Amino acid sequence: MELILTNKSLFSKDKQFPLRCMFNKQRDMPPHQQEFSEVTFILEGEALHYSEPYGWEPTSAGDIWVIPPGGIHGYQKTNGLLIINLLFVADQLPVPLLELYTHPQYKKLFSGDRDYWKSVGFYPRLHPGTEDMNDLTNLLHLFIRLQNQDLPGKIGIKYGLFMTIISRLCDIAMTQKAFSAPVKPLDISRIISYLNENYTSEIGIPELIKLTAMSESTLRRHFRKAFGVGPIEYIRNFRLGIAAKLLVSTTYSVKEISQMCGFNNTSYFCRMFRLIYHKSPQDYRVK
């Protein structure tokens, strides 16, 4: 991790910090570590969002991400991504806000213990209803306007808005599975790479479960969603595709190709080949 955003490097001359709110057109940004707490409200668009240690996953309008101090996150494949960032350093805020920090949901959402988040495996992600999201967005825009104006009592009003926003997030977290592990999508490129390297060997459900870290039922469901067939059928078809290429590009015998592609039974190989390609291996070779 090369990029580290520190409070000093970003906010040494920022009179608004340790509490700032910003509206951004977010571009692609490599994973980076930061010292401050960040709440990211996604207003429009979509992207892949990175968080350590979970990795990349899709995100879109309506999502709210909580990145703890010391956390690592980033963006790629951004498409019209408009966000509002609420940035703060909890231990530098006024003492009256300490009442907020005693909220049990606050401790869960904003824990600064990096080892804790590594053990959990993901950062909190909220997806409030339309009404809650609209209310939060209005409060955030008000916060941004306020911090850019020179008004009497601005500091007190700003901290009041902050408490309202954070309290609302804590309430939303109590009603959502913000602390449940997200369902990780099937890593298709990893599956294909694994098959390319191991199609001559024995590959079954146990090997795929180990590769994907999914339960058997989840594995089967994701395979059908991604490929339209179950894992065993996909592996068979993958091997048959390799065999078809070898039939027209080499002089190996049908039996040799069968064995090279992980089929120990040549009769079974020929039967499955005819089922998929509507020709015997011999006829396919001379087509």
C-alpha atoms as a PDB file:
ATOM      1  CA  MET A   1       0.000   0.000   0.000  1.00  0.00           C
ATOM      2  CA  GLU A   2       1.819   3.094  -1.284  1.00  0.00           C
ATOM      3  CA  LEU A   3      -0.815   5.837  -0.875  1.00  0.00           C
ATOM      4  CA  ILE A   4      -1.516   6.934   2.698  1.00  0.00           C
ATOM      5  CA  LEU A   5      -3.807   9.906   3.307  1.00  0.00           C
ATOM      6  CA  THR A   6      -2.859  11.477   6.620  1.00  0.00           C
ATOM      7  CA  ASN A   7      -4.646  14.197   8.550  1.00  0.00           C
ATOM      8  CA  LYS A   8      -1.560  16.420   8.274  1.00  0.00           C
ATOM      9  CA  SER A   9      -1.001  15.962   4.546  1.00  0.00           C
ATOM     10  CA  LEU A  10      -4.630  16.653   3.647  1.00  0.00           C
ATOM     11  CA  PHE A  11      -5.925  19.006   6.308  1.00  0.00           C
ATOM     12  CA  SER A  12      -3.003  20.866   7.891  1.00  0.00           C
ATOM     13  CA  LYS A  13      -4.382  24.196   6.578  1.00  0.00           C
ATOM     14  CA  ASP A  14      -8.056  23.234   6.549  1.00  0.00           C
ATOM     15  CA  LYS A  15      -9.943  25.315   9.110  1.00  0.00           C
ATOM     16  CA  GLN A  16     -12.949  23.003   8.867  1.00  0.00           C
ATOM     17  CA  PHE A  17     -11.088  19.878   9.951  1.00  0.00           C
ATOM     18  CA  PRO A  18     -11.305  17.644  12.092  1.00  0.00           C
ATOM     19  CA  LEU A  19     -14.842  17.661  10.672  1.00  0.00           C
ATOM     20  CA  ARG A  20     -15.451  18.251   6.975  1.00  0.00           C
ATOM     21  CA  CYS A  21     -18.120  17.380   4.417  1.00  0.00           C
ATOM     22  CA  MET A  22     -17.406  17.346   0.669  1.00  0.00           C
ATOM     23  CA  PHE A  23     -19.381  16.751  -2.526  1.00  0.00           C
ATOM     24  CA  ASN A  24     -17.347  14.961  -5.211  1.00  0.00           C
ATOM     25  CA  LYS A  25     -17.515  13.579  -8.712  1.00  0.00           C
ATOM     26  CA  GLN A  26     -15.530  10.490  -7.813  1.00  0.00           C
ATOM     27  CA  ARG A  27     -13.039   9.162 -10.343  1.00  0.00           C
ATOM     28  CA  ASP A  28     -11.133   5.905 -10.272  1.00  0.00           C
ATOM     29  CA  MET A  29      -8.814   5.909  -7.259  1.00  0.00           C
ATOM     30  CA  PRO A  30      -6.400   3.141  -6.269  1.00  0.00           C
ATOM     31  CA  PRO A  31      -6.806   1.539  -2.844  1.00  0.00           C
ATOM     32  CA  HIS A  32      -5.398   3.880  -0.204  1.00  0.00           C
ATOM     33  CA  GLN A  33      -5.125   4.026   3.556  1.00  0.00           C
ATOM     34  CA  GLN A  34      -6.369   6.985   5.589  1.00  0.00           C
ATOM     35  CA  GLU A  35      -6.020   8.124   9.203  1.00  0.00           C
ATOM     36  CA  PHE A  36      -9.491   9.644   9.575  1.00  0.00           C
ATOM     37  CA  SER A  37     -13.000   8.169   9.685  1.00  0.00           C
ATOM     38  CA  GLU A  38     -15.000   8.498   6.462  1.00  0.00           C
ATOM     39  CA  VAL A  39     -18.655   7.991   5.646  1.00  0.00           C
ATOM     40  CA  THR A  40     -19.308   7.864   1.909  1.00  0.00           C
ATOM     41  CA  PHE A  41     -22.844   8.519   0.665  1.00  0.00           C
ATOM     42  CA  ILE A  42     -23.312   7.427  -2.960  1.00  0.00           C
ATOM     43  CA  LEU A  43     -25.877   9.705  -4.588  1.00  0.00           C
ATOM     44  CA  GLU A  44     -25.637   8.696  -8.260  1.00  0.00           C
ATOM     45  CA  GLY A  45     -23.816   6.273 -10.539  1.00  0.00           C
ATOM     46  CA  GLU A  46     -21.998   3.039  -9.933  1.00  0.00           C
ATOM     47  CA  ALA A  47     -18.491   1.626  -9.500  1.00  0.00           C
ATOM     48  CA  LEU A  48     -16.457  -1.175  -8.056  1.00  0.00           C
ATOM     49  CA  HIS A  49     -15.501  -0.338  -4.493  1.00  0.00           C
ATOM     50  CA  TYR A  50     -12.467  -1.839  -2.748  1.00  0.00           C
ATOM     51  CA  SER A  51     -12.252  -2.421   0.961  1.00  0.00           C
ATOM     52  CA  GLU A  52      -9.606  -4.375   2.810  1.00  0.00           C
ATOM     53  CA  PRO A  53      -9.653  -7.266   3.408  1.00  0.00           C
ATOM     54  CA  TYR A  54     -12.877  -8.043   1.476  1.00  0.00           C
ATOM     55  CA  GLY A  55     -11.781  -6.846  -1.975  1.00  0.00           C
ATOM     56  CA  TRP A  56     -13.665  -5.372  -4.933  1.00  0.00           C
ATOM     57  CA  GLU A  57     -17.465  -5.420  -5.114  1.00  0.00           C
ATOM     58  CA  PRO A  58     -20.149  -3.474  -7.011  1.00  0.00           C
ATOM     59  CA  THR A  59     -21.651  -0.392  -5.416  1.00  0.00           C
ATOM     60  CA  SER A  60     -24.247   2.101  -6.650  1.00  0.00           C
ATOM     61  CA  ALA A  61     -26.589   4.945  -5.720  1.00  0.00           C
ATOM     62  CA  GLY A  62     -28.172   4.485  -2.308  1.00  0.00           C
ATOM     63  CA  ASP A  63     -25.188   2.781  -0.686  1.00  0.00           C
ATOM     64  CA  ILE A  64     -23.455   4.233   2.356  1.00  0.00           C
ATOM     65  CA  TRP A  65     -19.950   3.027   3.236  1.00  0.00           C
ATOM     66  CA  VAL A  66     -18.268   3.487   6.611  1.00  0.00           C
ATOM     67  CA  ILE A  67     -14.462   3.433   6.375  1.00  0.00           C
ATOM     68  CA  PRO A  68     -12.798   3.354   9.809  1.00  0.00           C
ATOM     69  CA  PRO A  69      -9.551   5.178  10.635  1.00  0.00           C
ATOM     70  CA  GLY A  70      -6.667   3.150   9.291  1.00  0.00           C
ATOM     71  CA  GLY A  71      -9.009   1.596   6.745  1.00  0.00           C
ATOM     72  CA  ILE A  72      -8.124   0.937   3.118  1.00  0.00           C
ATOM     73  CA  HIS A  73     -10.536   1.523   0.233  1.00  0.00           C
ATOM     74  CA  GLY A  74     -10.645   2.673  -3.385  1.00  0.00           C
ATOM     75  CA  TYR A  75     -12.664   2.824  -6.621  1.00  0.00           C
ATOM     76  CA  GLN A  76     -12.437   1.527 -10.156  1.00  0.00           C
ATOM     77  CA  LYS A  77     -14.742   1.404 -13.186  1.00  0.00           C
ATOM     78  CA  THR A  78     -16.538   4.506 -11.901  1.00  0.00           C
ATOM     79  CA  ASN A  79     -19.552   5.487 -13.990  1.00  0.00           C
ATOM     80  CA  GLY A  80     -21.213   8.812 -13.168  1.00  0.00           C
ATOM     81  CA  LEU A  81     -20.306   8.387  -9.504  1.00  0.00           C
ATOM     82  CA  LEU A  82     -21.459  11.319  -7.361  1.00  0.00           C
ATOM     83  CA  ILE A  83     -20.720  11.061  -3.659  1.00  0.00           C
ATOM     84  CA  ILE A  84     -20.692  13.057  -0.449  1.00  0.00           C
ATOM     85  CA  ASN A  85     -17.846  12.341   1.976  1.00  0.00           C
ATOM     86  CA  LEU A  86     -18.184  13.054   5.680  1.00  0.00           C
ATOM     87  CA  LEU A  87     -14.680  13.068   7.180  1.00  0.00           C
ATOM     88  CA  PHE A  88     -13.814  13.376  10.857  1.00  0.00           C
ATOM     89  CA  VAL A  89     -11.351  12.497  13.611  1.00  0.00           C
ATOM     90  CA  ALA A  90     -13.410  11.378  16.581  1.00  0.00           C
ATOM     91  CA  ASP A  91     -10.890  12.072  19.344  1.00  0.00           C
ATOM     92  CA  GLN A  92     -10.396  15.655  18.126  1.00  0.00           C
ATOM     93  CA  LEU A  93     -14.061  16.631  18.287  1.00  0.00           C
ATOM     94  CA  PRO A  94     -15.623  18.563  21.221  1.00  0.00           C
ATOM     95  CA  VAL A  95     -16.350  16.784  24.493  1.00  0.00           C
ATOM     96  CA  PRO A  96     -20.183  17.236  24.208  1.00  0.00           C
ATOM     97  CA  LEU A  97     -20.136  14.787  21.302  1.00  0.00           C
ATOM     98  CA  LEU A  98     -18.837  12.066  23.601  1.00  0.00           C
ATOM     99  CA  GLU A  99     -22.467  11.265  24.437  1.00  0.00           C
ATOM    100  CA  LEU A 100     -22.853  10.089  20.851  1.00  0.00           C
ATOM    101  CA  TYR A 101     -19.815   7.830  21.111  1.00  0.00           C
ATOM    102  CA  THR A 102     -21.482   5.771  23.856  1.00  0.00           C
ATOM    103  CA  HIS A 103     -24.156   4.587  21.419  1.00  0.00           C
ATOM    104  CA  PRO A 104     -23.571   0.820  20.879  1.00  0.00           C
ATOM    105  CA  GLN A 105     -24.143   1.134  17.149  1.00  0.00           C
ATOM    106  CA  TYR A 106     -21.608   3.965  16.965  1.00  0.00           C
ATOM    107  CA  LYS A 107     -18.942   1.709  18.428  1.00  0.00           C
ATOM    108  CA  LYS A 108     -19.777  -0.977  15.877  1.00  0.00           C
ATOM    109  CA  LEU A 109     -19.835   1.409  12.916  1.00  0.00           C
ATOM    110  CA  PHE A 110     -16.802   3.514  13.736  1.00  0.00           C
ATOM    111  CA  SER A 111     -14.397   1.298  15.655  1.00  0.00           C
ATOM    112  CA  GLY A 112     -10.852   2.519  15.050  1.00  0.00           C
ATOM    113  CA  ASP A 113      -9.354  -0.896  15.746  1.00  0.00           C
ATOM    114  CA  ARG A 114      -7.903  -2.009  12.402  1.00  0.00           C
ATOM    115  CA  ASP A 115      -7.267  -5.535  13.680  1.00  0.00           C
ATOM    116  CA  TYR A 116     -10.954  -5.775  14.547  1.00  0.00           C
ATOM    117  CA  TRP A 117     -12.011  -4.973  10.983  1.00  0.00           C
ATOM    118  CA  LYS A 118      -9.504  -7.451   9.583  1.00  0.00           C
ATOM    119  CA  SER A 119     -11.017 -10.138  11.780  1.00  0.00           C
ATOM    120  CA  VAL A 120     -14.546  -9.167  10.678  1.00  0.00           C
ATOM    121  CA  GLY A 121     -13.473  -9.220   7.016  1.00  0.00           C
ATOM    122  CA  PHE A 122     -15.530  -6.272   5.713  1.00  0.00           C
ATOM    123  CA  TYR A 123     -16.528  -2.686   6.502  1.00  0.00           C
ATOM    124  CA  PRO A 124     -20.102  -1.608   7.358  1.00  0.00           C
ATOM    125  CA  ARG A 125     -22.315  -0.937   4.345  1.00  0.00           C
ATOM    126  CA  LEU A 126     -25.781   0.579   4.713  1.00  0.00           C
ATOM    127  CA  HIS A 127     -28.544   0.853   2.148  1.00  0.00           C
ATOM    128  CA  PRO A 128     -31.330   2.948   3.704  1.00  0.00           C
ATOM    129  CA  GLY A 129     -34.764   3.434   2.238  1.00  0.00           C
ATOM    130  CA  THR A 130     -35.470   6.305  -0.148  1.00  0.00           C
ATOM    131  CA  GLU A 131     -36.921   8.554   2.560  1.00  0.00           C
ATOM    132  CA  ASP A 132     -33.975   8.070   4.925  1.00  0.00           C
ATOM    133  CA  MET A 133     -31.473   8.596   2.108  1.00  0.00           C
ATOM    134  CA  ASN A 134     -33.229  11.800   0.991  1.00  0.00           C
ATOM    135  CA  ASP A 135     -33.256  13.133   4.554  1.00  0.00           C
ATOM    136  CA  LEU A 136     -29.561  12.365   5.005  1.00  0.00           C
ATOM    137  CA  THR A 137     -28.703  13.964   1.658  1.00  0.00           C
ATOM    138  CA  ASN A 138     -30.570  17.145   2.596  1.00  0.00           C
ATOM    139  CA  LEU A 139     -28.742  17.314   5.937  1.00  0.00           C
ATOM    140  CA  LEU A 140     -25.389  16.800   4.205  1.00  0.00           C
ATOM    141  CA  HIS A 141     -26.043  19.524   1.626  1.00  0.00           C
ATOM    142  CA  LEU A 142     -27.043  21.855   4.463  1.00  0.00           C
ATOM    143  CA  PHE A 143     -23.810  20.952   6.247  1.00  0.00           C
ATOM    144  CA  ILE A 144     -21.754  21.761   3.130  1.00  0.00           C
ATOM    145  CA  ARG A 145     -23.469  25.134   2.641  1.00  0.00           C
ATOM    146  CA  LEU A 146     -23.020  25.994   6.305  1.00  0.00           C
ATOM    147  CA  GLN A 147     -19.301  25.202   6.451  1.00  0.00           C
ATOM    148  CA  ASN A 148     -18.687  27.540   3.509  1.00  0.00           C
ATOM    149  CA  GLN A 149     -20.428  30.490   5.157  1.00  0.00           C
ATOM    150  CA  ASP A 150     -19.217  32.866   7.855  1.00  0.00           C
ATOM    151  CA  LEU A 151     -22.155  32.869  10.265  1.00  0.00           C
ATOM    152  CA  PRO A 152     -22.404  33.463  14.033  1.00  0.00           C
ATOM    153  CA  GLY A 153     -22.741  30.198  15.911  1.00  0.00           C
ATOM    154  CA  LYS A 154     -21.745  28.192  12.833  1.00  0.00           C
ATOM    155  CA  ILE A 155     -19.543  25.782  14.776  1.00  0.00           C
ATOM    156  CA  GLY A 156     -22.312  24.775  17.166  1.00  0.00           C
ATOM    157  CA  ILE A 157     -24.799  24.281  14.335  1.00  0.00           C
ATOM    158  CA  LYS A 158     -22.268  22.228  12.375  1.00  0.00           C
ATOM    159  CA  TYR A 159     -21.649  19.868  15.292  1.00  0.00           C
ATOM    160  CA  GLY A 160     -25.383  19.591  15.830  1.00  0.00           C
ATOM    161  CA  LEU A 161     -25.873  18.525  12.208  1.00  0.00           C
ATOM    162  CA  PHE A 162     -23.036  16.042  12.579  1.00  0.00           C
ATOM    163  CA  MET A 163     -24.683  14.458  15.616  1.00  0.00           C
ATOM    164  CA  THR A 164     -28.008  14.267  13.786  1.00  0.00           C
ATOM    165  CA  ILE A 165     -26.439  12.566  10.754  1.00  0.00           C
ATOM    166  CA  ILE A 166     -24.413  10.069  12.774  1.00  0.00           C
ATOM    167  CA  SER A 167     -27.361   9.282  15.061  1.00  0.00           C
ATOM    168  CA  ARG A 168     -29.515   8.632  11.983  1.00  0.00           C
ATOM    169  CA  LEU A 169     -26.869   6.254  10.632  1.00  0.00           C
ATOM    170  CA  CYS A 170     -26.758   4.409  13.954  1.00  0.00           C
ATOM    171  CA  ASP A 171     -30.539   4.029  13.890  1.00  0.00           C
ATOM    172  CA  ILE A 172     -30.436   2.708  10.318  1.00  0.00           C
ATOM    173  CA  ALA A 173     -27.687   0.260  11.262  1.00  0.00           C
ATOM    174  CA  MET A 174     -29.909  -1.196  13.982  1.00  0.00           C
ATOM    175  CA  THR A 175     -32.504  -2.184  11.376  1.00  0.00           C
ATOM    176  CA  GLN A 176     -30.150  -3.478   8.672  1.00  0.00           C
ATOM    177  CA  LYS A 177     -27.572  -6.224   8.335  1.00  0.00           C
ATOM    178  CA  ALA A 178     -24.722  -3.739   8.243  1.00  0.00           C
ATOM    179  CA  PHE A 179     -22.520  -6.139  10.181  1.00  0.00           C
ATOM    180  CA  SER A 180     -23.358  -9.317   8.247  1.00  0.00           C
ATOM    181  CA  ALA A 181     -20.808 -10.577   5.765  1.00  0.00           C
ATOM    182  CA  PRO A 182     -21.760  -9.660   2.187  1.00  0.00           C
ATOM    183  CA  VAL A 183     -22.302 -12.445  -0.309  1.00  0.00           C
ATOM    184  CA  LYS A 184     -19.164 -12.498  -2.387  1.00  0.00           C
ATOM    185  CA  PRO A 185     -19.820 -13.052  -6.100  1.00  0.00           C
ATOM    186  CA  LEU A 186     -18.223 -15.920  -7.965  1.00  0.00           C
ATOM    187  CA  ASP A 187     -14.748 -14.961  -9.190  1.00  0.00           C
ATOM    188  CA  ILE A 188     -15.194 -16.114 -12.784  1.00  0.00           C
ATOM    189  CA  SER A 189     -11.647 -15.285 -13.913  1.00  0.00           C
ATOM    190  CA  ARG A 190     -10.222 -17.272 -11.018  1.00  0.00           C
ATOM    191  CA  ILE A 191     -12.446 -20.268 -11.865  1.00  0.00           C
ATOM    192  CA  ILE A 192     -11.355 -20.224 -15.506  1.00  0.00           C
ATOM    193  CA  SER A 193      -7.671 -19.846 -14.577  1.00  0.00           C
ATOM    194  CA  TYR A 194      -7.965 -22.772 -12.183  1.00  0.00           C
ATOM    195  CA  LEU A 195      -9.586 -24.964 -14.832  1.00  0.00           C
ATOM    196  CA  ASN A 196      -6.964 -24.020 -17.423  1.00  0.00           C
ATOM    197  CA  GLU A 197      -4.250 -25.134 -15.012  1.00  0.00           C
ATOM    198  CA  ASN A 198      -5.950 -28.251 -13.645  1.00  0.00           C
ATOM    199  CA  TYR A 199      -8.390 -29.670 -16.222  1.00  0.00           C
ATOM    200  CA  THR A 200      -6.265 -32.820 -16.627  1.00  0.00           C
ATOM    201  CA  SER A 201      -6.618 -33.556 -12.889  1.00  0.00           C
ATOM    202  CA  GLU A 202      -9.528 -34.658 -10.763  1.00  0.00           C
ATOM    203  CA  ILE A 203     -11.812 -31.651 -10.171  1.00  0.00           C
ATOM    204  CA  GLY A 204     -15.058 -31.979  -8.281  1.00  0.00           C
ATOM    205  CA  ILE A 205     -17.276 -30.118  -5.839  1.00  0.00           C
ATOM    206  CA  PRO A 206     -14.776 -30.408  -2.926  1.00  0.00           C
ATOM    207  CA  GLU A 207     -12.016 -28.736  -4.964  1.00  0.00           C
ATOM    208  CA  LEU A 208     -14.333 -25.907  -6.047  1.00  0.00           C
ATOM    209  CA  ILE A 209     -15.581 -25.370  -2.496  1.00  0.00           C
ATOM    210  CA  LYS A 210     -11.980 -24.972  -1.349  1.00  0.00           C
ATOM    211  CA  LEU A 211     -11.204 -22.632  -4.252  1.00  0.00           C
ATOM    212  CA  THR A 212     -14.223 -20.348  -3.766  1.00  0.00           C
ATOM    213  CA  ALA A 213     -14.679 -20.630   0.029  1.00  0.00           C
ATOM    214  CA  MET A 214     -18.404 -21.167  -0.572  1.00  0.00           C
ATOM    215  CA  SER A 215     -20.806 -23.758   0.749  1.00  0.00           C
ATOM    216  CA  GLU A 216     -21.938 -26.371  -1.762  1.00  0.00           C
ATOM    217  CA  SER A 217     -25.423 -24.882  -2.097  1.00  0.00           C
ATOM    218  CA  THR A 218     -24.031 -21.359  -2.582  1.00  0.00           C
ATOM    219  CA  LEU A 219     -21.481 -22.654  -5.083  1.00  0.00           C
ATOM    220  CA  ARG A 220     -24.147 -24.406  -7.164  1.00  0.00           C
ATOM    221  CA  ARG A 221     -26.401 -21.336  -7.093  1.00  0.00           C
ATOM    222  CA  HIS A 222     -23.623 -18.974  -8.185  1.00  0.00           C
ATOM    223  CA  PHE A 223     -22.469 -21.314 -10.957  1.00  0.00           C
ATOM    224  CA  ARG A 224     -25.960 -21.487 -12.439  1.00  0.00           C
ATOM    225  CA  LYS A 225     -26.294 -17.716 -12.224  1.00  0.00           C
ATOM    226  CA  ALA A 226     -22.882 -17.105 -13.855  1.00  0.00           C
ATOM    227  CA  PHE A 227     -22.725 -19.930 -16.406  1.00  0.00           C
ATOM    228  CA  GLY A 228     -26.274 -21.245 -16.805  1.00  0.00           C
ATOM    229  CA  VAL A 229     -25.262 -24.760 -15.729  1.00  0.00           C
ATOM    230  CA  GLY A 230     -24.081 -26.506 -12.581  1.00  0.00           C
ATOM    231  CA  PRO A 231     -20.364 -26.787 -11.689  1.00  0.00           C
ATOM    232  CA  ILE A 232     -19.892 -30.425 -12.766  1.00  0.00           C
ATOM    233  CA  GLU A 233     -21.595 -29.826 -16.106  1.00  0.00           C
ATOM    234  CA  TYR A 234     -19.511 -26.695 -16.633  1.00  0.00           C
ATOM    235  CA  ILE A 235     -16.253 -28.558 -15.934  1.00  0.00           C
ATOM    236  CA  ARG A 236     -17.281 -31.307 -18.366  1.00  0.00           C
ATOM    237  CA  ASN A 237     -18.111 -28.786 -21.086  1.00  0.00           C
ATOM    238  CA  PHE A 238     -14.864 -26.909 -20.432  1.00  0.00           C
ATOM    239  CA  ARG A 239     -12.870 -30.110 -20.942  1.00  0.00           C
ATOM    240  CA  LEU A 240     -14.830 -30.946 -24.072  1.00  0.00           C
ATOM    241  CA  GLY A 241     -13.979 -27.505 -25.455  1.00  0.00           C
ATOM    242  CA  ILE A 242     -10.267 -28.187 -24.937  1.00  0.00           C
ATOM    243  CA  ALA A 243     -10.699 -31.586 -26.569  1.00  0.00           C
ATOM    244  CA  ALA A 244     -12.406 -30.059 -29.613  1.00  0.00           C
ATOM    245  CA  LYS A 245      -9.445 -27.725 -30.129  1.00  0.00           C
ATOM    246  CA  LEU A 246      -6.972 -30.588 -29.815  1.00  0.00           C
ATOM    247  CA  LEU A 247      -8.911 -32.715 -32.308  1.00  0.00           C
ATOM    248  CA  VAL A 248      -8.501 -30.142 -35.095  1.00  0.00           C
ATOM    249  CA  SER A 249      -5.025 -28.864 -34.198  1.00  0.00           C
ATOM    250  CA  THR A 250      -3.085 -32.040 -33.285  1.00  0.00           C
ATOM    251  CA  THR A 251      -2.656 -35.652 -34.410  1.00  0.00           C
ATOM    252  CA  TYR A 252      -3.194 -37.172 -30.974  1.00  0.00           C
ATOM    253  CA  SER A 253      -5.562 -40.134 -30.967  1.00  0.00           C
ATOM    254  CA  VAL A 254      -9.081 -39.801 -29.559  1.00  0.00           C
ATOM    255  CA  LYS A 255      -8.042 -41.929 -26.574  1.00  0.00           C
ATOM    256  CA  GLU A 256      -4.995 -39.752 -25.911  1.00  0.00           C
ATOM    257  CA  ILE A 257      -7.034 -36.547 -26.134  1.00  0.00           C
ATOM    258  CA  SER A 258      -9.653 -38.054 -23.850  1.00  0.00           C
ATOM    259  CA  GLN A 259      -7.029 -38.733 -21.204  1.00  0.00           C
ATOM    260  CA  MET A 260      -5.292 -35.392 -21.729  1.00  0.00           C
ATOM    261  CA  CYS A 261      -8.568 -33.606 -21.010  1.00  0.00           C
ATOM    262  CA  GLY A 262      -9.322 -35.454 -17.798  1.00  0.00           C
ATOM    263  CA  PHE A 263     -11.644 -38.167 -19.159  1.00  0.00           C
ATOM    264  CA  ASN A 264     -10.455 -41.551 -17.924  1.00  0.00           C
ATOM    265  CA  ASN A 265     -13.176 -43.387 -19.822  1.00  0.00           C
ATOM    266  CA  THR A 266     -12.917 -42.936 -23.605  1.00  0.00           C
ATOM    267  CA  SER A 267     -16.419 -44.288 -24.242  1.00  0.00           C
ATOM    268  CA  TYR A 268     -17.889 -41.729 -21.841  1.00  0.00           C
ATOM    269  CA  PHE A 269     -15.817 -38.994 -23.510  1.00  0.00           C
ATOM    270  CA  CYS A 270     -17.133 -39.928 -26.972  1.00  0.00           C
ATOM    271  CA  ARG A 271     -20.717 -40.051 -25.723  1.00  0.00           C
ATOM    272  CA  MET A 272     -20.493 -36.622 -24.040  1.00  0.00           C
ATOM    273  CA  PHE A 273     -18.692 -35.145 -27.063  1.00  0.00           C
ATOM    274  CA  ARG A 274     -21.498 -36.279 -29.380  1.00  0.00           C
ATOM    275  CA  LEU A 275     -24.075 -34.878 -26.940  1.00  0.00           C
ATOM    276  CA  ILE A 276     -22.525 -31.396 -27.059  1.00  0.00           C
ATOM    277  CA  TYR A 277     -21.141 -31.192 -30.617  1.00  0.00           C
ATOM    278  CA  HIS A 278     -23.625 -33.533 -32.350  1.00  0.00           C
ATOM    279  CA  LYS A 279     -20.730 -35.402 -33.964  1.00  0.00           C
ATOM    280  CA  SER A 280     -18.369 -38.114 -32.878  1.00  0.00           C
ATOM    281  CA  PRO A 281     -14.795 -36.963 -32.149  1.00  0.00           C
ATOM    282  CA  GLN A 282     -13.628 -38.667 -35.351  1.00  0.00           C
ATOM    283  CA  ASP A 283     -16.236 -36.908 -37.521  1.00  0.00           C
ATOM    284  CA  TYR A 284     -15.527 -33.554 -35.773  1.00  0.00           C
ATOM    285  CA  ARG A 285     -11.835 -33.947 -36.620  1.00  0.00           C
ATOM    286  CA  VAL A 286     -12.500 -34.310 -40.372  1.00  0.00           C
ATOM    287  CA  LYS A 287     -15.344 -31.795 -40.604  1.00  0.00           C
END
